[in-house]
């Protein structure tokens, strides 16, 4: 199932049968994006638009953006992919005060916009859900929105 995020986020994802949308207040989703849940693993993934800050929208820039995230460690399993003009960079981080959970973080760009996926999970569940997150990232389609 292909869904469009709220206009402020400007992209679509295809949930397939692996993910379902969690209900969220529409006003909140304009700010926070959407939350989807893995059917198989129960992991919630926040899907939203992201600023790249000072980083260029290149493979090296997205890797630098991933590495500058303020988690408790550097990513311990960085990975990357390119698909249909997308640059996809992800990794898993240690956390603090999250009951031993780790965080999967992914950045996707088409060279113009950036999408961000974030999911906290127990370490063994994170390993199991990462291929599903990687597959989902490859379905991102950025929409062209006119600016006023």
N, C-alpha and C. Protein backbone atom coordinates (compact mmCIF):
# COMPACT_ATOMS: atom_id res chain seq x y z
N UNK A 1 0.84 -1.17 0.00
CA UNK A 1 0.00 0.00 0.00
C UNK A 1 0.89 1.24 0.00
N UNK A 2 0.78 2.05 -1.04
CA UNK A 2 1.54 3.28 -1.14
C UNK A 2 0.79 4.38 -0.41
N UNK A 3 1.49 5.08 0.51
CA UNK A 3 0.85 6.17 1.24
C UNK A 3 1.67 7.44 1.08
N UNK A 4 0.97 8.55 1.09
CA UNK A 4 1.60 9.86 1.02
C UNK A 4 1.66 10.44 2.42
N UNK A 5 2.82 10.93 2.79
CA UNK A 5 2.95 11.60 4.08
C UNK A 5 2.27 12.97 3.98
N UNK A 6 2.02 13.62 5.11
CA UNK A 6 1.44 14.96 5.05
C UNK A 6 2.29 15.87 4.15
N UNK A 7 1.65 16.86 3.59
CA UNK A 7 2.27 17.74 2.60
C UNK A 7 3.62 18.29 3.05
N UNK A 8 3.76 18.65 4.30
CA UNK A 8 5.00 19.24 4.78
C UNK A 8 6.20 18.29 4.66
N UNK A 9 5.95 17.00 4.50
CA UNK A 9 7.03 16.02 4.40
C UNK A 9 7.38 15.70 2.95
N UNK A 10 6.41 15.73 2.06
CA UNK A 10 6.68 15.68 0.63
C UNK A 10 7.20 14.39 0.04
N UNK A 11 6.79 13.26 0.56
CA UNK A 11 7.17 12.01 -0.09
C UNK A 11 6.16 10.91 0.18
N UNK A 12 6.29 9.86 -0.60
CA UNK A 12 5.45 8.67 -0.50
C UNK A 12 6.32 7.49 -0.09
N UNK A 13 5.71 6.51 0.55
CA UNK A 13 6.37 5.22 0.79
C UNK A 13 5.37 4.12 0.49
N UNK A 14 5.88 2.96 0.14
CA UNK A 14 5.04 1.80 -0.12
C UNK A 14 5.19 0.84 1.05
N UNK A 15 4.14 0.74 1.87
CA UNK A 15 4.19 -0.10 3.06
C UNK A 15 4.12 -1.58 2.76
N UNK A 16 3.65 -1.93 1.56
CA UNK A 16 3.47 -3.34 1.23
C UNK A 16 2.59 -4.00 2.28
N UNK A 17 2.90 -5.23 2.60
CA UNK A 17 2.15 -5.93 3.64
C UNK A 17 2.96 -6.02 4.94
N UNK A 18 4.17 -5.43 4.93
CA UNK A 18 5.08 -5.53 6.07
C UNK A 18 4.82 -4.49 7.15
N UNK A 19 4.14 -3.38 6.80
CA UNK A 19 3.99 -2.24 7.71
C UNK A 19 2.54 -1.79 7.74
N UNK A 20 2.09 -1.27 8.89
CA UNK A 20 0.78 -0.66 9.03
C UNK A 20 0.96 0.72 9.67
N UNK A 21 0.06 1.64 9.34
CA UNK A 21 0.12 3.00 9.85
C UNK A 21 -0.47 3.05 11.25
N UNK A 22 0.23 3.72 12.15
CA UNK A 22 -0.27 3.98 13.49
C UNK A 22 -1.06 5.28 13.44
N UNK A 23 -2.17 5.34 14.14
CA UNK A 23 -2.97 6.56 14.15
C UNK A 23 -2.23 7.65 14.91
N UNK A 24 -2.29 8.86 14.35
CA UNK A 24 -1.68 10.03 14.98
C UNK A 24 -2.54 11.23 14.61
N UNK A 25 -2.61 12.18 15.50
CA UNK A 25 -3.34 13.41 15.23
C UNK A 25 -2.80 14.06 13.96
N UNK A 26 -3.67 14.38 12.99
CA UNK A 26 -3.20 14.98 11.73
C UNK A 26 -2.34 16.23 11.92
N UNK A 27 -2.67 17.06 12.89
CA UNK A 27 -1.85 18.25 13.13
C UNK A 27 -0.45 17.85 13.60
N UNK A 28 -0.36 16.84 14.43
CA UNK A 28 0.95 16.36 14.91
C UNK A 28 1.74 15.74 13.77
N UNK A 29 1.07 15.05 12.86
CA UNK A 29 1.81 14.39 11.78
C UNK A 29 2.41 15.40 10.80
N UNK A 30 1.84 16.60 10.71
CA UNK A 30 2.46 17.64 9.89
C UNK A 30 3.84 17.98 10.43
N UNK A 31 3.98 17.94 11.74
CA UNK A 31 5.26 18.25 12.40
C UNK A 31 6.15 17.01 12.52
N UNK A 32 5.58 15.89 12.99
CA UNK A 32 6.36 14.72 13.37
C UNK A 32 6.48 13.65 12.30
N UNK A 33 5.69 13.73 11.24
CA UNK A 33 5.66 12.66 10.25
C UNK A 33 4.66 11.61 10.68
N UNK A 34 4.87 10.39 10.21
CA UNK A 34 3.96 9.31 10.56
C UNK A 34 4.72 8.24 11.32
N UNK A 35 3.96 7.41 12.02
CA UNK A 35 4.52 6.25 12.70
C UNK A 35 3.90 5.03 12.06
N UNK A 36 4.76 4.11 11.65
CA UNK A 36 4.29 2.85 11.10
C UNK A 36 4.84 1.73 11.95
N UNK A 37 4.17 0.59 11.93
CA UNK A 37 4.58 -0.54 12.77
C UNK A 37 4.84 -1.74 11.89
N UNK A 38 5.92 -2.45 12.18
CA UNK A 38 6.23 -3.70 11.49
C UNK A 38 5.21 -4.75 11.93
N UNK A 39 4.55 -5.35 10.98
CA UNK A 39 3.57 -6.38 11.28
C UNK A 39 4.26 -7.58 11.94
N UNK A 40 5.42 -7.96 11.44
CA UNK A 40 6.11 -9.16 11.94
C UNK A 40 6.80 -8.95 13.28
N UNK A 41 7.30 -7.73 13.53
CA UNK A 41 8.14 -7.51 14.71
C UNK A 41 7.59 -6.52 15.72
N UNK A 42 6.55 -5.78 15.36
CA UNK A 42 5.94 -4.82 16.27
C UNK A 42 6.74 -3.55 16.49
N UNK A 43 7.82 -3.36 15.75
CA UNK A 43 8.68 -2.18 15.90
C UNK A 43 8.00 -0.98 15.25
N UNK A 44 8.01 0.15 15.96
CA UNK A 44 7.48 1.39 15.41
C UNK A 44 8.60 2.18 14.74
N UNK A 45 8.30 2.69 13.56
CA UNK A 45 9.25 3.46 12.76
C UNK A 45 8.67 4.83 12.53
N UNK A 46 9.41 5.88 12.92
CA UNK A 46 9.01 7.25 12.63
C UNK A 46 9.54 7.59 11.24
N UNK A 47 8.66 8.03 10.37
CA UNK A 47 8.98 8.35 8.97
C UNK A 47 8.66 9.82 8.76
N UNK A 48 9.69 10.60 8.36
CA UNK A 48 9.49 12.05 8.25
C UNK A 48 10.52 12.69 7.33
N UNK A 49 10.26 13.94 7.00
CA UNK A 49 11.23 14.75 6.26
C UNK A 49 12.31 15.19 7.24
N UNK A 50 13.52 15.41 6.75
CA UNK A 50 14.65 15.79 7.61
C UNK A 50 15.47 16.86 6.90
N UNK A 51 16.00 17.78 7.65
CA UNK A 51 16.96 18.74 7.12
C UNK A 51 18.33 18.07 7.11
N UNK A 52 19.10 18.35 6.09
CA UNK A 52 20.47 17.82 6.03
C UNK A 52 21.45 18.75 6.72
N UNK A 53 20.96 19.86 7.22
CA UNK A 53 21.87 20.82 7.86
C UNK A 53 22.90 21.31 6.86
N UNK A 54 24.15 21.23 7.22
CA UNK A 54 25.23 21.69 6.36
C UNK A 54 25.75 20.60 5.42
N UNK A 55 25.19 19.40 5.52
CA UNK A 55 25.70 18.27 4.74
C UNK A 55 25.18 18.31 3.29
N UNK A 56 26.06 18.03 2.34
CA UNK A 56 25.60 17.93 0.95
C UNK A 56 24.77 16.67 0.76
N UNK A 57 23.87 16.69 -0.20
CA UNK A 57 22.98 15.55 -0.44
C UNK A 57 23.66 14.57 -1.40
N UNK A 58 24.75 14.01 -0.89
CA UNK A 58 25.59 13.05 -1.61
C UNK A 58 25.79 11.84 -0.70
N UNK A 59 26.36 10.75 -1.22
CA UNK A 59 26.63 9.62 -0.32
C UNK A 59 27.49 10.01 0.88
N UNK A 60 28.56 10.77 0.64
CA UNK A 60 29.42 11.19 1.75
C UNK A 60 28.69 12.10 2.71
N UNK A 61 27.86 13.00 2.19
CA UNK A 61 27.10 13.91 3.03
C UNK A 61 26.08 13.17 3.89
N UNK A 62 25.40 12.18 3.32
CA UNK A 62 24.42 11.41 4.09
C UNK A 62 25.11 10.55 5.15
N UNK A 63 26.29 10.01 4.81
CA UNK A 63 27.05 9.25 5.80
C UNK A 63 27.49 10.16 6.94
N UNK A 64 27.93 11.36 6.63
CA UNK A 64 28.31 12.32 7.67
C UNK A 64 27.10 12.68 8.53
N UNK A 65 25.93 12.87 7.91
CA UNK A 65 24.71 13.18 8.66
C UNK A 65 24.36 12.03 9.61
N UNK A 66 24.47 10.81 9.13
CA UNK A 66 24.21 9.65 9.98
C UNK A 66 25.15 9.64 11.17
N UNK A 67 26.42 9.85 10.91
CA UNK A 67 27.43 9.76 11.97
C UNK A 67 27.33 10.90 12.98
N UNK A 68 26.72 12.02 12.62
CA UNK A 68 26.63 13.13 13.57
C UNK A 68 25.37 13.08 14.45
N UNK A 69 24.60 12.03 14.32
CA UNK A 69 23.41 11.91 15.16
C UNK A 69 23.83 11.77 16.62
N UNK A 70 23.05 12.32 17.49
CA UNK A 70 23.43 12.43 18.90
C UNK A 70 22.95 11.23 19.71
N UNK A 71 23.34 10.03 19.31
CA UNK A 71 23.02 8.84 20.09
C UNK A 71 24.22 8.51 20.96
N UNK A 72 24.18 7.41 21.67
CA UNK A 72 25.23 7.09 22.64
C UNK A 72 26.48 6.49 22.02
N UNK A 73 26.46 6.20 20.74
CA UNK A 73 27.63 5.61 20.08
C UNK A 73 27.63 6.01 18.62
N UNK A 74 28.74 5.73 17.98
CA UNK A 74 28.76 5.80 16.52
C UNK A 74 27.92 4.62 16.00
N UNK A 75 27.41 4.70 14.78
CA UNK A 75 26.65 3.55 14.28
C UNK A 75 27.55 2.33 14.18
N UNK A 76 27.05 1.18 14.63
CA UNK A 76 27.91 0.00 14.64
C UNK A 76 27.65 -0.94 13.48
N UNK A 77 26.72 -0.62 12.60
CA UNK A 77 26.50 -1.48 11.43
C UNK A 77 26.07 -0.64 10.23
N UNK A 78 26.88 0.34 9.89
CA UNK A 78 26.53 1.21 8.76
C UNK A 78 26.31 0.39 7.50
N UNK A 79 25.36 0.85 6.69
CA UNK A 79 25.09 0.23 5.40
C UNK A 79 24.63 1.30 4.44
N UNK A 80 24.71 1.04 3.17
CA UNK A 80 24.26 2.00 2.16
C UNK A 80 23.72 1.25 0.96
N UNK A 81 22.90 1.97 0.18
CA UNK A 81 22.34 1.42 -1.04
C UNK A 81 21.98 2.57 -1.97
N UNK A 82 21.89 2.27 -3.23
CA UNK A 82 21.33 3.21 -4.20
C UNK A 82 20.23 2.46 -4.93
N UNK A 83 19.15 3.16 -5.17
CA UNK A 83 18.00 2.54 -5.82
C UNK A 83 17.19 3.62 -6.52
N UNK A 84 17.01 3.50 -7.82
CA UNK A 84 16.16 4.42 -8.59
C UNK A 84 16.48 5.88 -8.30
N UNK A 85 17.76 6.22 -8.28
CA UNK A 85 18.17 7.61 -8.05
C UNK A 85 18.21 8.02 -6.59
N UNK A 86 17.96 7.10 -5.67
CA UNK A 86 18.01 7.41 -4.25
C UNK A 86 19.35 7.01 -3.66
N UNK A 87 19.82 7.80 -2.72
CA UNK A 87 20.98 7.46 -1.90
C UNK A 87 20.41 7.12 -0.53
N UNK A 88 20.73 5.94 -0.03
CA UNK A 88 20.17 5.46 1.24
C UNK A 88 21.33 5.06 2.15
N UNK A 89 21.38 5.68 3.32
CA UNK A 89 22.45 5.41 4.28
C UNK A 89 21.79 5.10 5.62
N UNK A 90 22.22 4.04 6.29
CA UNK A 90 21.63 3.71 7.58
C UNK A 90 22.63 3.08 8.52
N UNK A 91 22.20 2.93 9.75
CA UNK A 91 23.02 2.29 10.75
C UNK A 91 22.24 2.13 12.05
N UNK A 92 22.83 1.41 12.99
CA UNK A 92 22.21 1.18 14.29
C UNK A 92 23.13 1.75 15.36
N UNK A 93 22.53 2.37 16.36
CA UNK A 93 23.26 3.07 17.42
C UNK A 93 22.93 2.49 18.78
N UNK A 94 23.90 2.55 19.69
CA UNK A 94 23.64 2.29 21.10
C UNK A 94 22.87 3.49 21.65
N UNK A 95 22.14 3.28 22.74
CA UNK A 95 21.38 4.35 23.38
C UNK A 95 21.69 4.39 24.87
N UNK A 96 21.19 5.41 25.52
CA UNK A 96 21.30 5.56 26.97
C UNK A 96 19.89 5.74 27.52
N UNK A 97 19.61 5.12 28.64
CA UNK A 97 18.31 5.26 29.31
C UNK A 97 17.13 4.84 28.45
N UNK A 98 17.31 3.82 27.62
CA UNK A 98 16.21 3.29 26.81
C UNK A 98 16.07 1.79 27.03
N UNK A 99 16.33 1.35 28.25
CA UNK A 99 16.17 -0.06 28.64
C UNK A 99 16.92 -1.03 27.74
N UNK A 100 18.12 -0.65 27.31
CA UNK A 100 18.95 -1.54 26.51
C UNK A 100 18.61 -1.57 25.03
N UNK A 101 17.64 -0.75 24.60
CA UNK A 101 17.30 -0.74 23.18
C UNK A 101 18.39 -0.05 22.37
N UNK A 102 18.42 -0.35 21.09
CA UNK A 102 19.26 0.34 20.12
C UNK A 102 18.32 1.13 19.21
N UNK A 103 18.90 1.98 18.37
CA UNK A 103 18.09 2.78 17.44
C UNK A 103 18.61 2.57 16.03
N UNK A 104 17.70 2.22 15.14
CA UNK A 104 18.00 2.16 13.71
C UNK A 104 17.69 3.55 13.15
N UNK A 105 18.63 4.12 12.40
CA UNK A 105 18.40 5.43 11.78
C UNK A 105 18.81 5.34 10.32
N UNK A 106 17.97 5.93 9.45
CA UNK A 106 18.18 5.87 8.01
C UNK A 106 17.93 7.24 7.40
N UNK A 107 18.77 7.63 6.45
CA UNK A 107 18.57 8.85 5.67
C UNK A 107 18.48 8.47 4.20
N UNK A 108 17.50 9.06 3.52
CA UNK A 108 17.26 8.79 2.11
C UNK A 108 17.21 10.13 1.39
N UNK A 109 17.92 10.26 0.28
CA UNK A 109 17.86 11.50 -0.50
C UNK A 109 17.80 11.20 -1.99
N UNK A 110 17.17 12.12 -2.69
CA UNK A 110 17.18 12.09 -4.15
C UNK A 110 18.09 13.19 -4.68
N UNK A 111 18.86 13.81 -3.80
CA UNK A 111 19.73 14.91 -4.16
C UNK A 111 19.07 16.27 -3.98
N UNK A 112 17.77 16.28 -3.62
CA UNK A 112 17.03 17.53 -3.42
C UNK A 112 16.37 17.58 -2.05
N UNK A 113 15.88 16.45 -1.56
CA UNK A 113 15.17 16.36 -0.29
C UNK A 113 15.73 15.18 0.51
N UNK A 114 15.42 15.17 1.81
CA UNK A 114 15.89 14.09 2.68
C UNK A 114 14.72 13.55 3.48
N UNK A 115 14.61 12.23 3.51
CA UNK A 115 13.66 11.54 4.37
C UNK A 115 14.47 10.86 5.48
N UNK A 116 13.83 10.68 6.63
CA UNK A 116 14.50 10.09 7.78
C UNK A 116 13.58 9.03 8.39
N UNK A 117 14.14 7.87 8.68
CA UNK A 117 13.43 6.79 9.38
C UNK A 117 14.18 6.54 10.68
N UNK A 118 13.45 6.42 11.79
CA UNK A 118 14.07 6.12 13.08
C UNK A 118 13.21 5.10 13.81
N UNK A 119 13.87 4.06 14.36
CA UNK A 119 13.14 3.02 15.09
C UNK A 119 13.96 2.51 16.27
N UNK A 120 13.44 2.66 17.49
CA UNK A 120 14.08 2.00 18.63
C UNK A 120 13.61 0.55 18.71
N UNK A 121 14.49 -0.33 19.13
CA UNK A 121 14.13 -1.75 19.25
C UNK A 121 15.16 -2.48 20.10
N UNK A 122 14.76 -3.62 20.62
CA UNK A 122 15.74 -4.49 21.26
C UNK A 122 16.74 -4.93 20.21
N UNK A 123 17.97 -5.18 20.62
CA UNK A 123 19.06 -5.46 19.68
C UNK A 123 18.73 -6.60 18.69
N UNK A 124 18.22 -7.73 19.20
CA UNK A 124 17.93 -8.86 18.30
C UNK A 124 16.77 -8.53 17.36
N UNK A 125 15.81 -7.76 17.82
CA UNK A 125 14.69 -7.36 16.97
C UNK A 125 15.18 -6.36 15.92
N UNK A 126 16.07 -5.46 16.30
CA UNK A 126 16.63 -4.50 15.34
C UNK A 126 17.33 -5.23 14.20
N UNK A 127 18.08 -6.28 14.53
CA UNK A 127 18.74 -7.06 13.47
C UNK A 127 17.71 -7.67 12.54
N UNK A 128 16.61 -8.16 13.09
CA UNK A 128 15.58 -8.82 12.28
C UNK A 128 14.80 -7.83 11.42
N UNK A 129 14.55 -6.64 11.94
CA UNK A 129 13.72 -5.67 11.21
C UNK A 129 14.52 -4.82 10.22
N UNK A 130 15.84 -4.76 10.38
CA UNK A 130 16.66 -3.92 9.49
C UNK A 130 16.44 -4.23 8.01
N UNK A 131 16.39 -5.48 7.57
CA UNK A 131 16.12 -5.72 6.14
C UNK A 131 14.77 -5.16 5.67
N UNK A 132 13.78 -5.15 6.55
CA UNK A 132 12.48 -4.58 6.20
C UNK A 132 12.57 -3.06 6.08
N UNK A 133 13.34 -2.43 6.96
CA UNK A 133 13.54 -0.99 6.90
C UNK A 133 14.31 -0.64 5.64
N UNK A 134 15.33 -1.44 5.30
CA UNK A 134 16.09 -1.19 4.08
C UNK A 134 15.20 -1.29 2.84
N UNK A 135 14.35 -2.30 2.79
CA UNK A 135 13.43 -2.46 1.66
C UNK A 135 12.45 -1.30 1.59
N UNK A 136 11.94 -0.87 2.73
CA UNK A 136 11.01 0.26 2.77
C UNK A 136 11.68 1.53 2.26
N UNK A 137 12.92 1.77 2.66
CA UNK A 137 13.64 2.97 2.22
C UNK A 137 13.74 3.04 0.70
N UNK A 138 13.85 1.92 0.05
CA UNK A 138 13.96 1.88 -1.41
C UNK A 138 12.66 2.26 -2.11
N UNK A 139 11.56 2.33 -1.36
CA UNK A 139 10.27 2.68 -1.98
C UNK A 139 9.96 4.17 -1.90
N UNK A 140 10.81 4.97 -1.23
CA UNK A 140 10.54 6.40 -1.09
C UNK A 140 10.47 7.06 -2.46
N UNK A 141 9.43 7.85 -2.66
CA UNK A 141 9.29 8.67 -3.86
C UNK A 141 9.03 10.10 -3.38
N UNK A 142 9.96 11.00 -3.69
CA UNK A 142 9.78 12.40 -3.29
C UNK A 142 8.84 13.07 -4.28
N UNK A 143 7.93 13.88 -3.74
CA UNK A 143 6.97 14.59 -4.55
C UNK A 143 7.49 15.99 -4.85
N UNK A 144 7.16 16.49 -6.01
CA UNK A 144 7.50 17.87 -6.35
C UNK A 144 6.37 18.76 -5.88
N UNK A 145 6.67 19.70 -5.00
CA UNK A 145 5.67 20.65 -4.51
C UNK A 145 6.07 22.05 -4.95
N UNK A 146 5.11 22.76 -5.48
CA UNK A 146 5.38 24.15 -5.85
C UNK A 146 5.45 24.99 -4.59
N UNK A 147 6.33 25.96 -4.57
CA UNK A 147 6.40 26.88 -3.44
C UNK A 147 5.68 28.16 -3.83
N UNK A 148 4.98 28.78 -2.88
CA UNK A 148 4.21 29.99 -3.20
C UNK A 148 5.10 31.16 -3.54
